[in-house]
Amino acid sequence: MRFTREFCCFTREFVLFTREFTHFTREFVLLTREFCCFTREFVLFTREFTHFTREFACLLVSSCC
């Protein structure tokens, strides 16, 4: 009887742990997706900023000559 009770407690704890781990995994996946989106947007911004800087430099050079 004691073994059955201990086993039930263990099973209950294991189920709770599994739920928490699943929740953590989902949150980690969402965070990773957000980080990927942020990185993609940052790369696009950097490209645009570089393009703008080149255009601005060309404009300054052409106005000086």
Protein backbone atom coordinates (compact mmCIF):
# COMPACT_ATOMS: atom_id res chain seq x y z
CA MET A 1 0.00 0.00 0.00
CA ARG A 2 2.79 2.38 0.87
CA PHE A 3 4.54 1.60 -2.40
CA THR A 4 1.38 2.44 -4.35
CA ARG A 5 1.01 5.73 -2.52
CA GLU A 6 4.66 6.62 -3.12
CA PHE A 7 4.34 5.68 -6.76
CA CYS A 8 1.24 7.87 -7.15
CA CYS A 9 3.07 10.81 -5.56
CA PHE A 10 6.03 10.27 -7.82
CA THR A 11 3.78 10.07 -10.88
CA ARG A 12 1.96 13.25 -9.91
CA GLU A 13 5.26 15.08 -9.40
CA PHE A 14 6.56 13.79 -12.70
CA VAL A 15 3.45 15.01 -14.53
CA LEU A 16 3.80 18.45 -12.94
CA PHE A 17 7.47 18.58 -13.88
CA THR A 18 6.62 17.56 -17.45
CA ARG A 19 4.01 20.31 -17.71
CA GLU A 20 6.45 22.91 -16.40
CA PHE A 21 9.16 21.70 -18.76
CA THR A 22 6.74 21.84 -21.70
CA HIS A 23 5.74 25.38 -20.74
CA PHE A 24 9.40 26.39 -20.45
CA THR A 25 10.15 24.84 -23.85
CA ARG A 26 7.29 26.73 -25.49
CA GLU A 27 8.45 29.99 -23.95
CA PHE A 28 12.00 29.31 -25.10
CA VAL A 29 10.81 28.63 -28.66
CA LEU A 30 8.79 31.86 -28.68
CA LEU A 31 11.74 33.82 -27.34
CA THR A 32 13.99 32.30 -29.99
CA ARG A 33 11.51 33.27 -32.73
CA GLU A 34 11.34 36.81 -31.39
CA PHE A 35 15.12 37.03 -31.32
CA CYS A 36 15.30 35.79 -34.93
CA CYS A 37 12.75 38.41 -36.00
CA PHE A 38 14.66 41.10 -34.15
CA THR A 39 17.92 40.01 -35.78
CA ARG A 40 16.32 40.01 -39.23
CA GLU A 41 14.91 43.50 -38.67
CA PHE A 42 18.25 44.74 -37.36
CA VAL A 43 20.05 43.41 -40.45
CA LEU A 44 17.51 45.12 -42.72
CA PHE A 45 17.88 48.37 -40.80
CA THR A 46 21.66 48.15 -41.01
CA ARG A 47 21.51 47.64 -44.78
CA GLU A 48 19.19 50.60 -45.20
CA PHE A 49 21.34 52.77 -42.97
CA THR A 50 24.47 51.78 -44.91
CA HIS A 51 22.73 52.60 -48.19
CA PHE A 52 21.57 55.95 -46.83
CA THR A 53 25.08 56.76 -45.58
CA ARG A 54 26.61 55.99 -48.99
CA GLU A 55 24.02 58.11 -50.77
CA PHE A 56 24.57 60.96 -48.33
CA ALA A 57 28.37 60.74 -48.76
CA CYS A 58 28.00 60.82 -52.56
CA LEU A 59 25.71 63.82 -52.27
CA LEU A 60 28.24 65.66 -50.09
CA VAL A 61 31.13 64.81 -52.41
CA SER A 62 29.25 65.86 -55.52
CA SER A 63 28.18 69.17 -53.94
CA CYS A 64 31.76 69.98 -52.95
CA CYS A 65 33.20 69.55 -56.46
